Amino acid sequence: MESQQAHRVVVLALSGLLPFELGTPHRIFGRAKDPAGRPLYEILTCGLAPGPVRTDADFAIHVEHGPELLATADTVVVPASYELGPVHEEGRLTDELAAALAHIRPGTRLVSICTGGYVLAAAGFLDGRPATTHWASAEHFQRLFPAVRVDPDVLYTDDGDVLTSAGVAAGVDLCLHIVRRDHGTAVANEVARRTVVPPHRDGGQAQFIARPMPEPQLATTTAARAWVLDRLHEPLRLTDLARQEAMSVRTFTRRFREESGVSPGQWIVGRRVERARQLLEQTELPMEQVARDSGFGTAQSLRKHVQAALGVSPTAYRRTFRAAAATEPAGNLPPPDGPSVDAGPVH
């Protein structure tokens, strides 16, 4: 995407919408700027008709644009609604909603947040594709749309031109993922800082962790994670991590998964991939040096893990963000954060 022409995101506001999820695309995409401070996205909202749209709160919102605006979109976002009627009950679009979606041009990127995925599925956009929704709706979603490959456990799915997220905060994660995919880690991290949210939670992280916070009397694994972030370039053993918390390996591994939703090895590989992304975007270091500094050891190992996590080689990824590398200082790399689920070996 070229910085002089902002990518247009059109958010479809449907009756019964959740205000938080309607505002998420505006908040995240609206904070993304190029190095000159120009907006990278233009975010507009439309409804099935101009005028008031009910929310699930005690107020309505007024939408200026009708569905014709969808024809101008580069990306269409469908947030959750509690009043989807036959879409939710029978898996079919109303005539009015079908007519609105018909405005979307072929090749437009489609995004759903939470139960907004029901709309994409009812329109056939998710047939044969991976998708997710709020964990509490996943079983019903799969029964209603058997052609969709529903993953009830992840925060979001990315199938190229169609992306879906779980509920509420997962919509923030997905929008940040899109910014990161479009413009790189540095831009996404700046958006996260301005929005005061974690810069990265990988899409494969579990939606629902049975005990999201450890019981007060139990030790946490926070110190071990901080210890790892200072030593990503070094060989790391599970016994060393457990020793930081004075736990057995078995107890540490169980506690770590309870707190983060992933294993220690998966989390470390995710942090190393994130470090490698930053180095590829922001420096001209040779691949062997990037591999050593990010903890993968060799260029071959770096290539394997970056390809698995991002779908492209390190060389291709660097080429994509060559312009960003020329404008961002190499010495001001923020520490990677947030869990990942790349299950490759830790070196």
Protein backbone atom coordinates (compact mmCIF):
# COMPACT_ATOMS: atom_id res chain seq x y z
CA MET A 1 0.00 0.00 0.00
CA GLU A 2 1.30 3.41 -0.91
CA SER A 3 1.39 6.03 1.80
CA GLN A 4 0.09 8.85 -0.44
CA GLN A 5 -3.25 7.06 -0.92
CA ALA A 6 -4.79 5.80 2.29
CA HIS A 7 -6.29 2.32 2.27
CA ARG A 8 -10.05 2.68 2.71
CA VAL A 9 -11.66 0.60 5.47
CA VAL A 10 -15.47 0.56 5.52
CA VAL A 11 -17.16 -0.71 8.69
CA LEU A 12 -20.68 -2.12 8.25
CA ALA A 13 -22.88 -1.13 11.21
CA LEU A 14 -25.81 -3.50 11.69
CA SER A 15 -28.72 -3.11 14.09
CA GLY A 16 -27.93 -4.45 17.57
CA LEU A 17 -24.21 -3.76 17.20
CA LEU A 18 -21.76 -3.68 20.10
CA PRO A 19 -20.29 -0.15 20.39
CA PHE A 20 -16.87 -1.40 21.53
CA GLU A 21 -16.43 -3.62 18.49
CA LEU A 22 -17.78 -0.98 16.12
CA GLY A 23 -15.15 1.43 17.44
CA THR A 24 -12.24 -1.00 17.33
CA PRO A 25 -11.36 -0.55 13.61
CA HIS A 26 -11.55 3.23 13.96
CA ARG A 27 -9.32 3.20 17.02
CA ILE A 28 -6.65 0.84 15.65
CA PHE A 29 -6.51 1.70 11.95
CA GLY A 30 -7.00 5.37 12.70
CA ARG A 31 -3.76 5.48 14.73
CA ALA A 32 -1.57 4.04 11.96
CA LYS A 33 0.66 6.73 10.40
CA ASP A 34 3.49 6.73 7.89
CA PRO A 35 6.91 8.24 8.83
CA ALA A 36 5.66 11.68 7.75
CA GLY A 37 2.65 11.43 10.06
CA ARG A 38 0.11 10.84 7.29
CA PRO A 39 -2.77 8.42 7.98
CA LEU A 40 -2.28 5.02 6.38
CA TYR A 41 -5.97 4.18 6.49
CA GLU A 42 -9.22 6.04 5.85
CA ILE A 43 -11.98 4.58 8.04
CA LEU A 44 -15.65 5.15 7.20
CA THR A 45 -18.88 3.64 8.53
CA CYS A 46 -22.01 2.66 6.65
CA GLY A 47 -25.31 1.01 7.48
CA LEU A 48 -28.00 -0.79 5.53
CA ALA A 49 -29.42 2.71 5.16
CA PRO A 50 -28.26 6.14 6.36
CA GLY A 51 -29.64 7.13 9.74
CA PRO A 52 -29.84 5.77 13.30
CA VAL A 53 -28.60 2.25 14.10
CA ARG A 54 -29.54 0.52 17.35
CA THR A 55 -26.80 -0.76 19.64
CA ASP A 56 -26.93 -3.22 22.52
CA ALA A 57 -26.53 -0.25 24.87
CA ASP A 58 -29.01 2.48 25.80
CA PHE A 59 -28.11 4.66 22.83
CA ALA A 60 -28.15 4.54 19.04
CA ILE A 61 -25.53 5.80 16.62
CA HIS A 62 -26.19 7.91 13.53
CA VAL A 63 -24.59 6.59 10.33
CA GLU A 64 -24.10 9.04 7.47
CA HIS A 65 -23.58 6.51 4.66
CA GLY A 66 -25.67 3.77 3.12
CA PRO A 67 -24.46 0.42 1.73
CA GLU A 68 -23.27 1.97 -1.54
CA LEU A 69 -20.11 2.95 0.35
CA LEU A 70 -19.10 -0.73 0.43
CA ALA A 71 -18.31 -0.50 -3.29
CA THR A 72 -15.46 1.91 -2.51
CA ALA A 73 -13.81 -0.20 0.20
CA ASP A 74 -10.38 -1.81 0.08
CA THR A 75 -11.27 -3.61 3.33
CA VAL A 76 -14.74 -4.28 4.74
CA VAL A 77 -15.13 -4.94 8.47
CA VAL A 78 -18.28 -6.53 9.92
CA PRO A 79 -18.42 -6.14 13.73
CA ALA A 80 -20.66 -8.21 16.01
CA SER A 81 -24.41 -7.67 16.32
CA TYR A 82 -27.00 -9.18 18.66
CA GLU A 83 -29.84 -8.69 16.17
CA LEU A 84 -28.81 -10.76 13.15
CA GLY A 85 -32.20 -12.51 12.92
CA PRO A 86 -32.24 -15.20 10.18
CA VAL A 87 -28.49 -14.85 9.72
CA HIS A 88 -27.94 -16.21 13.22
CA GLU A 89 -31.00 -18.46 13.40
CA GLU A 90 -31.08 -20.00 9.91
CA GLY A 91 -27.73 -19.12 8.32
CA ARG A 92 -29.27 -17.02 5.56
CA LEU A 93 -29.08 -13.35 4.63
CA THR A 94 -32.07 -11.06 4.57
CA ASP A 95 -32.77 -9.51 1.17
CA GLU A 96 -31.65 -6.14 2.48
CA LEU A 97 -28.35 -7.46 3.80
CA ALA A 98 -27.71 -9.50 0.64
CA ALA A 99 -28.27 -6.40 -1.48
CA ALA A 100 -25.84 -4.44 0.70
CA LEU A 101 -23.10 -7.07 0.46
CA ALA A 102 -23.54 -7.23 -3.30
CA HIS A 103 -21.87 -3.81 -3.46
CA ILE A 104 -18.54 -5.30 -2.33
CA ARG A 105 -16.07 -5.52 -5.21
CA PRO A 106 -14.24 -8.81 -5.96
CA GLY A 107 -10.83 -8.83 -4.29
CA THR A 108 -11.91 -6.64 -1.37
CA ARG A 109 -10.40 -7.81 1.92
CA LEU A 110 -13.10 -9.04 4.30
CA VAL A 111 -12.81 -8.93 8.10
CA SER A 112 -15.25 -10.00 10.81
CA ILE A 113 -15.15 -9.39 14.54
CA CYS A 114 -16.87 -11.87 16.86
CA THR A 115 -20.34 -12.83 15.59
CA GLY A 116 -19.84 -10.62 12.55
CA GLY A 117 -18.47 -13.85 11.10
CA TYR A 118 -22.08 -15.11 10.80
CA VAL A 119 -22.66 -12.47 8.12
CA LEU A 120 -19.60 -13.49 6.10
CA ALA A 121 -20.50 -17.17 6.47
CA ALA A 122 -24.15 -16.67 5.45
CA ALA A 123 -22.91 -14.84 2.34
CA GLY A 124 -20.69 -17.80 1.44
CA PHE A 125 -17.44 -15.90 1.91
CA LEU A 126 -16.14 -18.41 4.48
CA ASP A 127 -16.96 -21.66 2.64
CA GLY A 128 -13.92 -23.94 2.76
CA ARG A 129 -11.94 -21.40 4.75
CA PRO A 130 -10.67 -21.31 8.34
CA ALA A 131 -12.68 -19.03 10.61
CA THR A 132 -13.37 -18.33 14.25
CA THR A 133 -15.90 -16.49 16.37
CA HIS A 134 -16.58 -16.02 20.06
CA TRP A 135 -15.89 -19.31 21.83
CA ALA A 136 -19.41 -19.38 23.27
CA SER A 137 -20.89 -19.30 19.74
CA ALA A 138 -18.39 -21.61 18.01
CA GLU A 139 -20.40 -24.84 18.27
CA HIS A 140 -23.57 -23.18 16.97
CA PHE A 141 -21.57 -21.47 14.22
CA GLN A 142 -20.14 -24.79 13.03
CA ARG A 143 -23.57 -26.49 13.02
CA LEU A 144 -25.09 -23.63 11.05
CA PHE A 145 -22.23 -23.42 8.54
CA PRO A 146 -20.74 -26.91 8.05
CA ALA A 147 -18.72 -25.77 5.01
CA VAL A 148 -16.65 -23.45 7.21
CA ARG A 149 -13.52 -24.81 8.93
CA VAL A 150 -14.27 -23.40 12.39
CA ASP A 151 -11.45 -23.20 14.92
CA PRO A 152 -13.06 -22.41 18.30
CA ASP A 153 -9.80 -22.02 20.18
CA VAL A 154 -7.88 -19.24 18.41
CA LEU A 155 -7.99 -15.46 18.74
CA TYR A 156 -8.17 -14.86 15.01
CA THR A 157 -7.66 -16.47 11.61
CA ASP A 158 -5.89 -15.03 8.56
CA ASP A 159 -6.67 -16.64 5.21
CA GLY A 160 -5.20 -13.87 3.11
CA ASP A 161 -8.16 -11.84 1.88
CA VAL A 162 -10.57 -13.10 4.56
CA LEU A 163 -9.85 -12.69 8.27
CA THR A 164 -12.02 -13.44 11.30
CA SER A 165 -11.65 -12.87 15.02
CA ALA A 166 -13.09 -14.09 18.28
CA GLY A 167 -14.96 -11.69 20.54
CA VAL A 168 -14.26 -8.31 22.09
CA ALA A 169 -10.51 -7.83 22.67
CA ALA A 170 -9.62 -10.35 19.95
CA GLY A 171 -10.90 -7.77 17.47
CA VAL A 172 -8.15 -5.44 18.68
CA ASP A 173 -5.60 -8.22 18.16
CA LEU A 174 -6.83 -8.86 14.63
CA CYS A 175 -6.77 -5.19 13.64
CA LEU A 176 -3.22 -4.87 14.99
CA HIS A 177 -2.28 -8.01 13.05
CA ILE A 178 -3.60 -6.40 9.86
CA VAL A 179 -1.62 -3.23 10.50
CA ARG A 180 1.48 -5.35 11.15
CA ARG A 181 0.88 -7.34 7.97
CA ASP A 182 0.31 -4.21 5.88
CA HIS A 183 2.99 -1.92 7.31
CA GLY A 184 5.32 -3.88 9.60
CA THR A 185 6.08 -4.29 13.25
CA ALA A 186 7.27 -0.74 13.95
CA VAL A 187 3.97 0.83 12.81
CA ALA A 188 1.87 -1.77 14.63
CA ASN A 189 3.87 -1.37 17.84
CA GLU A 190 3.40 2.39 17.74
CA VAL A 191 -0.35 1.93 17.30
CA ALA A 192 -0.34 -0.47 20.26
CA ARG A 193 1.58 2.00 22.43
CA ARG A 194 -0.85 4.80 21.61
CA THR A 195 -3.80 2.51 22.28
CA VAL A 196 -2.23 1.14 25.50
CA VAL A 197 -2.62 -2.52 24.53
CA PRO A 198 -0.09 -5.36 24.14
CA PRO A 199 1.65 -5.04 20.76
CA HIS A 200 1.13 -8.65 19.72
CA ARG A 201 -0.95 -11.65 20.66
CA ASP A 202 -0.57 -14.35 18.04
CA GLY A 203 -3.76 -15.52 16.35
CA GLY A 204 -3.26 -19.10 17.47
CA GLN A 205 -3.29 -18.24 21.17
CA ALA A 206 -6.16 -19.85 23.06
CA GLN A 207 -9.31 -17.71 23.39
CA PHE A 208 -10.37 -19.00 26.77
CA ILE A 209 -7.90 -19.78 29.52
CA ALA A 210 -9.57 -21.50 32.44
CA ARG A 211 -7.53 -19.53 34.98
CA PRO A 212 -6.42 -16.27 33.33
CA MET A 213 -4.79 -15.03 36.52
CA PRO A 214 -2.88 -17.25 38.96
CA GLU A 215 -4.30 -17.68 42.42
CA PRO A 216 -2.78 -15.12 44.81
CA GLN A 217 -0.95 -17.73 46.87
CA LEU A 218 0.74 -19.25 43.82
CA ALA A 219 3.96 -18.00 42.26
CA THR A 220 3.82 -16.74 38.66
CA THR A 221 6.22 -17.13 35.74
CA THR A 222 6.61 -13.41 35.11
CA ALA A 223 10.23 -13.26 36.24
CA ALA A 224 11.17 -16.13 33.95
CA ARG A 225 9.62 -14.40 30.94
CA ALA A 226 11.48 -11.19 31.71
CA TRP A 227 14.68 -13.21 32.09
CA VAL A 228 14.11 -14.81 28.67
CA LEU A 229 13.53 -11.49 26.89
CA ASP A 230 17.01 -10.36 27.92
CA ARG A 231 18.55 -13.58 26.57
CA LEU A 232 16.73 -14.40 23.34
CA HIS A 233 20.06 -14.63 21.53
CA GLU A 234 21.35 -17.28 23.94
CA PRO A 235 20.58 -21.03 24.12
CA LEU A 236 17.68 -21.45 26.53
CA ARG A 237 16.74 -24.58 28.43
CA LEU A 238 13.49 -25.28 30.21
CA THR A 239 15.41 -26.13 33.36
CA ASP A 240 16.95 -22.64 33.36
CA LEU A 241 13.51 -21.03 33.12
CA ALA A 242 12.11 -23.18 35.91
CA ARG A 243 15.09 -22.30 38.08
CA GLN A 244 14.21 -18.57 37.84
CA GLU A 245 10.94 -19.33 39.65
CA ALA A 246 12.36 -22.02 41.96
CA MET A 247 9.96 -24.57 40.48
CA SER A 248 10.28 -28.05 39.09
CA VAL A 249 10.15 -28.26 35.31
CA ARG A 250 6.77 -29.99 35.46
CA THR A 251 5.22 -27.36 37.75
CA PHE A 252 6.74 -24.49 35.77
CA THR A 253 5.45 -25.84 32.45
CA ARG A 254 1.94 -26.30 33.82
CA ARG A 255 1.89 -22.87 35.45
CA PHE A 256 3.31 -21.20 32.32
CA ARG A 257 0.58 -22.68 30.12
CA GLU A 258 -2.12 -21.73 32.62
CA GLU A 259 -0.96 -18.12 32.58
CA SER A 260 -0.17 -17.65 28.88
CA GLY A 261 -2.19 -20.29 27.03
CA VAL A 262 0.91 -21.71 25.28
CA SER A 263 3.95 -23.77 26.21
CA PRO A 264 7.28 -22.14 27.17
CA GLY A 265 8.88 -23.39 23.95
CA GLN A 266 6.12 -21.97 21.78
CA TRP A 267 6.29 -18.64 23.58
CA ILE A 268 10.08 -18.37 23.16
CA VAL A 269 9.93 -19.16 19.45
CA GLY A 270 7.24 -16.50 19.04
CA ARG A 271 9.41 -13.91 20.77
CA ARG A 272 12.36 -14.84 18.57
CA VAL A 273 10.27 -14.52 15.42
CA GLU A 274 9.12 -11.10 16.59
CA ARG A 275 12.72 -10.04 17.24
CA ALA A 276 13.72 -11.31 13.80
CA ARG A 277 10.89 -9.30 12.21
CA GLN A 278 12.12 -6.14 13.86
CA LEU A 279 15.69 -6.73 12.74
CA LEU A 280 14.60 -7.53 9.19
CA GLU A 281 12.46 -4.40 8.99
CA GLN A 282 14.75 -1.95 10.70
CA THR A 283 18.34 -3.04 9.94
CA GLU A 284 20.52 -4.20 7.06
CA LEU A 285 22.20 -6.94 9.10
CA PRO A 286 23.11 -10.07 7.11
CA MET A 287 20.82 -13.06 7.60
CA GLU A 288 23.36 -15.00 9.66
CA GLN A 289 23.60 -12.07 12.09
CA VAL A 290 19.82 -11.70 12.27
CA ALA A 291 19.63 -15.43 13.04
CA ARG A 292 22.19 -15.14 15.85
CA ASP A 293 20.72 -11.97 17.36
CA SER A 294 17.19 -13.38 17.40
CA GLY A 295 18.28 -16.71 18.88
CA PHE A 296 17.78 -19.02 15.90
CA GLY A 297 21.50 -19.62 15.47
CA THR A 298 21.65 -20.23 11.72
CA ALA A 299 20.11 -18.68 8.64
CA GLN A 300 18.50 -22.03 7.85
CA SER A 301 16.74 -22.13 11.22
CA LEU A 302 15.72 -18.49 10.84
CA ARG A 303 14.25 -19.20 7.41
CA LYS A 304 12.32 -22.22 8.71
CA HIS A 305 10.69 -20.36 11.60
CA VAL A 306 9.96 -17.11 9.76
CA GLN A 307 8.44 -19.04 6.86
CA ALA A 308 6.27 -21.06 9.26
CA ALA A 309 5.10 -18.01 11.19
CA LEU A 310 4.72 -15.42 8.42
CA GLY A 311 4.33 -17.46 5.24
CA VAL A 312 7.29 -15.79 3.51
CA SER A 313 11.07 -16.13 3.63
CA PRO A 314 13.17 -13.64 5.66
CA THR A 315 14.52 -12.20 2.40
CA ALA A 316 11.03 -11.63 1.01
CA TYR A 317 9.85 -10.14 4.29
CA ARG A 318 12.77 -7.70 4.37
CA ARG A 319 12.13 -6.70 0.76
CA THR A 320 8.51 -5.91 1.58
CA PHE A 321 9.52 -3.49 4.33
CA ARG A 322 12.67 -2.04 2.75
CA ALA A 323 11.23 1.46 2.95
CA ALA A 324 10.51 1.07 6.67
CA ALA A 325 14.08 -0.10 7.23
CA ALA A 326 15.38 3.13 5.74
CA THR A 327 13.36 5.31 8.11
CA GLU A 328 13.47 3.48 11.46
CA PRO A 329 16.58 3.59 13.69
CA ALA A 330 18.18 0.20 14.18
CA GLY A 331 19.13 0.81 17.79
CA ASN A 332 15.67 1.50 19.19
CA LEU A 333 14.02 -1.89 19.08
CA PRO A 334 11.21 -2.39 21.62
CA PRO A 335 11.23 -5.74 23.41
CA PRO A 336 8.96 -8.34 21.82
CA ASP A 337 5.84 -9.18 23.74
CA GLY A 338 2.73 -11.35 23.66
CA PRO A 339 2.41 -15.13 23.24
CA SER A 340 2.79 -17.12 20.06
CA VAL A 341 2.09 -20.66 19.05
CA ASP A 342 4.79 -21.48 16.54
CA ALA A 343 5.62 -24.97 17.74
CA GLY A 344 9.08 -25.26 16.24
CA PRO A 345 12.11 -26.26 18.30
CA VAL A 346 13.90 -23.79 20.55
CA HIS A 347 17.60 -23.40 19.78
